[in-house]
Amino acid sequence: MGVFRYWPNRITAIRFGMSALLFWILAVGEPGGAQGFELSAVWREVAFWLFLVTAVTDVLDGWLARRGNCVTAFGRIADPFVDKVLVIGTMILLLSAAPVGSAPAGSAYFAPWMVVLITAREFLITAIRGYVESLGAPLPADWMGKVKMLAQCIALSVVLGLRAFDFTPEVVAFWNTVAQVFVWVTLVATTGSCLNYLVKTRRFLLDQST
């Protein structure tokens, strides 16, 4: 079974499949989506739970890998890759989300420039980490990056939850505010963690040797 004899790697692969299913549901369920019909309430709930379970099991596979001392090259690459695909893909697909009650459209939660900024940060840090680790120096995730991931997941969960369940206007207004707050926390943590990585790796990035 190769790398898939380890449960953390199996969970990572399952999480990728769940992300793909979530994207399909969101893509075909919007008025301008691939099939041109809106999601029923049941499928909106499925989308919410798919995202929540996929996000939460990220903690499970990491814990199992450390507990069983079965950290593999596949896991180190695939696990953060699935995290980024899940979050950025969901954000992109929610850009055209229909309004919830009197709330603004989905783009008010995740404006295109926000998604571009978050995606650019991920590309940059992935490139820096690959280069620094190729030189034999470790570059683990920092606490601000973990805050970013948590804030992203909370914001996305709230938006998907608002689309999945019927709430009173007062409750909708409250959770809209929560979602917007965590979107801005995400942006602050995204910028802060990027600057932190650049400071920590400046000696490698400023090296003029060839």
C-alpha atoms as a PDB file:
ATOM      1  CA  MET A   1       0.000   0.000   0.000  1.00  0.00           C
ATOM      2  CA  GLY A   2       3.030   2.271   0.098  1.00  0.00           C
ATOM      3  CA  VAL A   3       2.477   5.590   1.837  1.00  0.00           C
ATOM      4  CA  PHE A   4      -1.187   4.728   2.348  1.00  0.00           C
ATOM      5  CA  ARG A   5      -0.393   2.082   4.913  1.00  0.00           C
ATOM      6  CA  TYR A   6      -0.334   4.976   7.371  1.00  0.00           C
ATOM      7  CA  TRP A   7      -3.680   6.304   8.562  1.00  0.00           C
ATOM      8  CA  PRO A   8      -2.630   9.988   8.505  1.00  0.00           C
ATOM      9  CA  ASN A   9      -1.902   9.703   4.783  1.00  0.00           C
ATOM     10  CA  ARG A  10      -5.192   7.908   4.180  1.00  0.00           C
ATOM     11  CA  ILE A  11      -7.033  10.680   5.975  1.00  0.00           C
ATOM     12  CA  THR A  12      -5.216  13.301   3.899  1.00  0.00           C
ATOM     13  CA  ALA A  13      -6.272  11.538   0.689  1.00  0.00           C
ATOM     14  CA  ILE A  14      -9.866  11.289   1.929  1.00  0.00           C
ATOM     15  CA  ARG A  15      -9.790  14.996   2.809  1.00  0.00           C
ATOM     16  CA  PHE A  16      -8.738  15.802  -0.753  1.00  0.00           C
ATOM     17  CA  GLY A  17     -11.642  13.755  -2.116  1.00  0.00           C
ATOM     18  CA  MET A  18     -14.049  15.514   0.255  1.00  0.00           C
ATOM     19  CA  SER A  19     -12.702  18.891  -0.901  1.00  0.00           C
ATOM     20  CA  ALA A  20     -13.325  17.932  -4.530  1.00  0.00           C
ATOM     21  CA  LEU A  21     -16.892  16.881  -3.707  1.00  0.00           C
ATOM     22  CA  LEU A  22     -17.471  20.152  -1.847  1.00  0.00           C
ATOM     23  CA  PHE A  23     -16.229  22.148  -4.849  1.00  0.00           C
ATOM     24  CA  TRP A  24     -18.518  20.240  -7.187  1.00  0.00           C
ATOM     25  CA  ILE A  25     -21.534  20.911  -4.972  1.00  0.00           C
ATOM     26  CA  LEU A  26     -20.722  24.623  -4.715  1.00  0.00           C
ATOM     27  CA  ALA A  27     -19.898  24.965  -8.431  1.00  0.00           C
ATOM     28  CA  VAL A  28     -23.067  23.373  -9.797  1.00  0.00           C
ATOM     29  CA  GLY A  29     -25.332  24.832  -7.136  1.00  0.00           C
ATOM     30  CA  GLU A  30     -25.003  28.519  -7.967  1.00  0.00           C
ATOM     31  CA  PRO A  31     -27.355  30.254 -10.433  1.00  0.00           C
ATOM     32  CA  GLY A  32     -24.403  30.809 -12.760  1.00  0.00           C
ATOM     33  CA  GLY A  33     -22.844  27.452 -12.005  1.00  0.00           C
ATOM     34  CA  ALA A  34     -22.094  24.580 -14.324  1.00  0.00           C
ATOM     35  CA  GLN A  35     -25.664  23.224 -14.206  1.00  0.00           C
ATOM     36  CA  GLY A  36     -27.468  26.506 -13.641  1.00  0.00           C
ATOM     37  CA  PHE A  37     -29.563  25.564 -10.616  1.00  0.00           C
ATOM     38  CA  GLU A  38     -29.501  26.598  -6.985  1.00  0.00           C
ATOM     39  CA  LEU A  39     -28.703  24.178  -4.192  1.00  0.00           C
ATOM     40  CA  SER A  40     -31.550  22.691  -2.227  1.00  0.00           C
ATOM     41  CA  ALA A  41     -31.453  23.134   1.540  1.00  0.00           C
ATOM     42  CA  VAL A  42     -30.204  19.559   1.941  1.00  0.00           C
ATOM     43  CA  TRP A  43     -27.232  20.091  -0.358  1.00  0.00           C
ATOM     44  CA  ARG A  44     -26.349  23.376   1.306  1.00  0.00           C
ATOM     45  CA  GLU A  45     -26.210  21.482   4.596  1.00  0.00           C
ATOM     46  CA  VAL A  46     -24.062  18.797   2.968  1.00  0.00           C
ATOM     47  CA  ALA A  47     -21.656  21.505   1.779  1.00  0.00           C
ATOM     48  CA  PHE A  48     -21.457  22.968   5.277  1.00  0.00           C
ATOM     49  CA  TRP A  49     -20.724  19.629   6.956  1.00  0.00           C
ATOM     50  CA  LEU A  50     -18.272  18.589   4.244  1.00  0.00           C
ATOM     51  CA  PHE A  51     -16.234  21.724   4.801  1.00  0.00           C
ATOM     52  CA  LEU A  52     -16.386  21.450   8.588  1.00  0.00           C
ATOM     53  CA  VAL A  53     -15.363  17.779   8.696  1.00  0.00           C
ATOM     54  CA  THR A  54     -12.605  18.289   6.116  1.00  0.00           C
ATOM     55  CA  ALA A  55     -11.196  21.227   8.079  1.00  0.00           C
ATOM     56  CA  VAL A  56     -11.399  19.522  11.485  1.00  0.00           C
ATOM     57  CA  THR A  57      -9.796  16.265  10.311  1.00  0.00           C
ATOM     58  CA  ASP A  58      -6.673  18.260   9.479  1.00  0.00           C
ATOM     59  CA  VAL A  59      -6.023  18.259  13.226  1.00  0.00           C
ATOM     60  CA  LEU A  60      -6.669  14.505  13.399  1.00  0.00           C
ATOM     61  CA  ASP A  61      -4.202  13.431  10.728  1.00  0.00           C
ATOM     62  CA  GLY A  62      -1.475  15.664  12.177  1.00  0.00           C
ATOM     63  CA  TRP A  63      -2.062  14.262  15.668  1.00  0.00           C
ATOM     64  CA  LEU A  64      -2.001  10.673  14.411  1.00  0.00           C
ATOM     65  CA  ALA A  65       1.206  11.296  12.462  1.00  0.00           C
ATOM     66  CA  ARG A  66       2.991  12.689  15.526  1.00  0.00           C
ATOM     67  CA  ARG A  67       1.555  10.111  17.922  1.00  0.00           C
ATOM     68  CA  GLY A  68       2.483   7.174  15.695  1.00  0.00           C
ATOM     69  CA  ASN A  69       5.804   8.683  14.599  1.00  0.00           C
ATOM     70  CA  CYS A  70       4.800   8.144  10.986  1.00  0.00           C
ATOM     71  CA  VAL A  71       5.606  11.518   9.454  1.00  0.00           C
ATOM     72  CA  THR A  72       6.269  10.896   5.735  1.00  0.00           C
ATOM     73  CA  ALA A  73       7.388  13.007   2.783  1.00  0.00           C
ATOM     74  CA  PHE A  74       3.946  12.450   1.260  1.00  0.00           C
ATOM     75  CA  GLY A  75       2.250  13.766   4.387  1.00  0.00           C
ATOM     76  CA  ARG A  76       4.517  16.799   4.682  1.00  0.00           C
ATOM     77  CA  ILE A  77       3.666  17.781   1.110  1.00  0.00           C
ATOM     78  CA  ALA A  78       0.067  16.625   0.746  1.00  0.00           C
ATOM     79  CA  ASP A  79      -1.334  17.777   4.085  1.00  0.00           C
ATOM     80  CA  PRO A  80      -0.607  21.526   3.686  1.00  0.00           C
ATOM     81  CA  PHE A  81      -1.491  21.243  -0.010  1.00  0.00           C
ATOM     82  CA  VAL A  82      -4.973  19.928   0.828  1.00  0.00           C
ATOM     83  CA  ASP A  83      -5.401  22.692   3.430  1.00  0.00           C
ATOM     84  CA  LYS A  84      -4.633  25.361   0.857  1.00  0.00           C
ATOM     85  CA  VAL A  85      -6.832  23.772  -1.822  1.00  0.00           C
ATOM     86  CA  LEU A  86      -9.750  23.489   0.607  1.00  0.00           C
ATOM     87  CA  VAL A  87      -9.598  27.071   1.868  1.00  0.00           C
ATOM     88  CA  ILE A  88      -8.702  28.936  -1.316  1.00  0.00           C
ATOM     89  CA  GLY A  89     -11.015  26.832  -3.482  1.00  0.00           C
ATOM     90  CA  THR A  90     -13.956  27.419  -1.145  1.00  0.00           C
ATOM     91  CA  MET A  91     -13.255  31.156  -1.049  1.00  0.00           C
ATOM     92  CA  ILE A  92     -13.188  31.352  -4.842  1.00  0.00           C
ATOM     93  CA  LEU A  93     -16.445  29.451  -5.185  1.00  0.00           C
ATOM     94  CA  LEU A  94     -18.135  31.677  -2.598  1.00  0.00           C
ATOM     95  CA  LEU A  95     -17.229  34.880  -4.446  1.00  0.00           C
ATOM     96  CA  SER A  96     -20.484  34.581  -6.401  1.00  0.00           C
ATOM     97  CA  ALA A  97     -22.585  33.297  -3.499  1.00  0.00           C
ATOM     98  CA  ALA A  98     -26.158  34.592  -3.304  1.00  0.00           C
ATOM     99  CA  PRO A  99     -27.000  37.039  -0.506  1.00  0.00           C
ATOM    100  CA  VAL A 100     -28.137  35.639   2.832  1.00  0.00           C
ATOM    101  CA  GLY A 101     -31.211  37.547   3.991  1.00  0.00           C
ATOM    102  CA  SER A 102     -30.352  41.234   3.932  1.00  0.00           C
ATOM    103  CA  ALA A 103     -26.626  40.461   3.901  1.00  0.00           C
ATOM    104  CA  PRO A 104     -24.425  41.546   1.007  1.00  0.00           C
ATOM    105  CA  ALA A 105     -23.417  39.066  -1.641  1.00  0.00           C
ATOM    106  CA  GLY A 106     -20.660  36.582  -0.995  1.00  0.00           C
ATOM    107  CA  SER A 107     -18.099  38.927  -2.521  1.00  0.00           C
ATOM    108  CA  ALA A 108     -18.607  41.221   0.488  1.00  0.00           C
ATOM    109  CA  TYR A 109     -17.124  38.450   2.600  1.00  0.00           C
ATOM    110  CA  PHE A 110     -14.305  37.448   0.247  1.00  0.00           C
ATOM    111  CA  ALA A 111     -13.517  40.164  -2.270  1.00  0.00           C
ATOM    112  CA  PRO A 112     -11.377  39.045  -5.229  1.00  0.00           C
ATOM    113  CA  TRP A 113      -8.386  41.091  -4.044  1.00  0.00           C
ATOM    114  CA  MET A 114      -8.512  39.287  -0.683  1.00  0.00           C
ATOM    115  CA  VAL A 115      -8.358  35.884  -2.357  1.00  0.00           C
ATOM    116  CA  VAL A 116      -5.492  37.072  -4.569  1.00  0.00           C
ATOM    117  CA  LEU A 117      -3.580  38.304  -1.506  1.00  0.00           C
ATOM    118  CA  ILE A 118      -4.090  35.053   0.409  1.00  0.00           C
ATOM    119  CA  THR A 119      -3.162  32.940  -2.632  1.00  0.00           C
ATOM    120  CA  ALA A 120      -0.042  35.026  -3.319  1.00  0.00           C
ATOM    121  CA  ARG A 121       1.065  34.594   0.297  1.00  0.00           C
ATOM    122  CA  GLU A 122       0.715  30.810   0.009  1.00  0.00           C
ATOM    123  CA  PHE A 123       2.737  30.689  -3.224  1.00  0.00           C
ATOM    124  CA  LEU A 124       5.454  32.889  -1.761  1.00  0.00           C
ATOM    125  CA  ILE A 125       5.811  31.020   1.535  1.00  0.00           C
ATOM    126  CA  THR A 126       5.756  27.641  -0.209  1.00  0.00           C
ATOM    127  CA  ALA A 127       8.572  28.798  -2.501  1.00  0.00           C
ATOM    128  CA  ILE A 128      10.591  30.220   0.402  1.00  0.00           C
ATOM    129  CA  ARG A 129      10.098  27.090   2.521  1.00  0.00           C
ATOM    130  CA  GLY A 130      11.184  24.856  -0.345  1.00  0.00           C
ATOM    131  CA  TYR A 131      14.321  26.917  -0.925  1.00  0.00           C
ATOM    132  CA  VAL A 132      15.302  27.235   2.733  1.00  0.00           C
ATOM    133  CA  GLU A 133      14.734  23.548   3.454  1.00  0.00           C
ATOM    134  CA  SER A 134      16.750  22.625   0.361  1.00  0.00           C
ATOM    135  CA  LEU A 135      19.658  24.327   2.140  1.00  0.00           C
ATOM    136  CA  GLY A 136      19.148  22.072   5.157  1.00  0.00           C
ATOM    137  CA  ALA A 137      17.473  24.629   7.423  1.00  0.00           C
ATOM    138  CA  PRO A 138      14.066  23.902   8.968  1.00  0.00           C
ATOM    139  CA  LEU A 139      11.203  26.316   8.448  1.00  0.00           C
ATOM    140  CA  PRO A 140       8.176  25.131  10.450  1.00  0.00           C
ATOM    141  CA  ALA A 141       4.795  26.834  10.432  1.00  0.00           C
ATOM    142  CA  ASP A 142       4.615  29.837  12.739  1.00  0.00           C
ATOM    143  CA  TRP A 143       1.824  30.606  15.189  1.00  0.00           C
ATOM    144  CA  MET A 144       0.488  33.434  13.053  1.00  0.00           C
ATOM    145  CA  GLY A 145       0.074  31.076  10.123  1.00  0.00           C
ATOM    146  CA  LYS A 146      -1.962  28.777  12.362  1.00  0.00           C
ATOM    147  CA  VAL A 147      -4.112  31.729  13.431  1.00  0.00           C
ATOM    148  CA  LYS A 148      -4.637  32.513   9.746  1.00  0.00           C
ATOM    149  CA  MET A 149      -5.803  28.972   9.008  1.00  0.00           C
ATOM    150  CA  LEU A 150      -8.141  28.958  12.008  1.00  0.00           C
ATOM    151  CA  ALA A 151      -9.631  32.352  11.099  1.00  0.00           C
ATOM    152  CA  GLN A 152     -10.151  31.247   7.495  1.00  0.00           C
ATOM    153  CA  CYS A 153     -11.945  28.088   8.567  1.00  0.00           C
ATOM    154  CA  ILE A 154     -14.187  29.951  11.017  1.00  0.00           C
ATOM    155  CA  ALA A 155     -15.137  32.582   8.436  1.00  0.00           C
ATOM    156  CA  LEU A 156     -15.878  29.987   5.755  1.00  0.00           C
ATOM    157  CA  SER A 157     -17.816  27.780   8.156  1.00  0.00           C
ATOM    158  CA  VAL A 158     -20.007  30.720   9.172  1.00  0.00           C
ATOM    159  CA  VAL A 159     -20.736  31.728   5.574  1.00  0.00           C
ATOM    160  CA  LEU A 160     -21.568  28.143   4.586  1.00  0.00           C
ATOM    161  CA  GLY A 161     -23.671  27.769   7.733  1.00  0.00           C
ATOM    162  CA  LEU A 162     -25.661  30.903   6.910  1.00  0.00           C
ATOM    163  CA  ARG A 163     -26.425  29.408   3.509  1.00  0.00           C
ATOM    164  CA  ALA A 164     -27.314  26.012   4.956  1.00  0.00           C
ATOM    165  CA  PHE A 165     -29.655  26.847   7.838  1.00  0.00           C
ATOM    166  CA  ASP A 166     -32.607  29.143   8.382  1.00  0.00           C
ATOM    167  CA  PHE A 167     -31.975  31.800  11.022  1.00  0.00           C
ATOM    168  CA  THR A 168     -33.871  34.841  12.175  1.00  0.00           C
ATOM    169  CA  PRO A 169     -32.723  38.176  10.715  1.00  0.00           C
ATOM    170  CA  GLU A 170     -31.099  39.089  14.037  1.00  0.00           C
ATOM    171  CA  VAL A 171     -29.088  35.865  14.111  1.00  0.00           C
ATOM    172  CA  VAL A 172     -28.111  36.301  10.461  1.00  0.00           C
ATOM    173  CA  ALA A 173     -26.872  39.818  11.178  1.00  0.00           C
ATOM    174  CA  PHE A 174     -24.810  38.584  14.129  1.00  0.00           C
ATOM    175  CA  TRP A 175     -23.140  35.773  12.182  1.00  0.00           C
ATOM    176  CA  ASN A 176     -22.527  38.041   9.197  1.00  0.00           C
ATOM    177  CA  THR A 177     -20.569  40.305  11.526  1.00  0.00           C
ATOM    178  CA  VAL A 178     -18.650  37.322  12.915  1.00  0.00           C
ATOM    179  CA  ALA A 179     -17.747  36.182   9.409  1.00  0.00           C
ATOM    180  CA  GLN A 180     -16.538  39.650   8.397  1.00  0.00           C
ATOM    181  CA  VAL A 181     -14.459  40.000  11.568  1.00  0.00           C
ATOM    182  CA  PHE A 182     -12.700  36.696  10.908  1.00  0.00           C
ATOM    183  CA  VAL A 183     -12.116  37.590   7.272  1.00  0.00           C
ATOM    184  CA  TRP A 184     -10.191  40.659   8.456  1.00  0.00           C
ATOM    185  CA  VAL A 185      -8.382  38.592  11.101  1.00  0.00           C
ATOM    186  CA  THR A 186      -7.365  36.310   8.238  1.00  0.00           C
ATOM    187  CA  LEU A 187      -5.976  39.224   6.236  1.00  0.00           C
ATOM    188  CA  VAL A 188      -4.033  40.607   9.201  1.00  0.00           C
ATOM    189  CA  ALA A 189      -2.609  37.158  10.029  1.00  0.00           C
ATOM    190  CA  THR A 190      -1.827  36.547   6.340  1.00  0.00           C
ATOM    191  CA  THR A 191       0.173  39.771   6.097  1.00  0.00           C
ATOM    192  CA  GLY A 192       1.815  39.326   9.496  1.00  0.00           C
ATOM    193  CA  SER A 193       2.877  35.734   8.967  1.00  0.00           C
ATOM    194  CA  CYS A 194       4.270  36.576   5.517  1.00  0.00           C
ATOM    195  CA  LEU A 195       6.381  39.396   6.960  1.00  0.00           C
ATOM    196  CA  ASN A 196       7.468  37.121   9.806  1.00  0.00           C
ATOM    197  CA  TYR A 197       8.683  34.467   7.357  1.00  0.00           C
ATOM    198  CA  LEU A 198      10.542  37.087   5.325  1.00  0.00           C
ATOM    199  CA  VAL A 199      12.297  38.372   8.453  1.00  0.00           C
ATOM    200  CA  LYS A 200      13.211  34.857   9.619  1.00  0.00           C
ATOM    201  CA  THR A 201      14.630  33.905   6.226  1.00  0.00           C
ATOM    202  CA  ARG A 202      16.220  37.204   5.194  1.00  0.00           C
ATOM    203  CA  ARG A 203      19.752  35.833   5.539  1.00  0.00           C
ATOM    204  CA  PHE A 204      18.917  33.113   3.004  1.00  0.00           C
ATOM    205  CA  LEU A 205      17.028  35.457   0.686  1.00  0.00           C
ATOM    206  CA  LEU A 206      19.809  38.078   0.712  1.00  0.00           C
ATOM    207  CA  ASP A 207      22.544  35.537   0.042  1.00  0.00           C
ATOM    208  CA  GLN A 208      24.276  36.620  -3.183  1.00  0.00           C
ATOM    209  CA  SER A 209      26.135  33.349  -3.734  1.00  0.00           C
ATOM    210  CA  THR A 210      25.271  31.274  -6.792  1.00  0.00           C
END
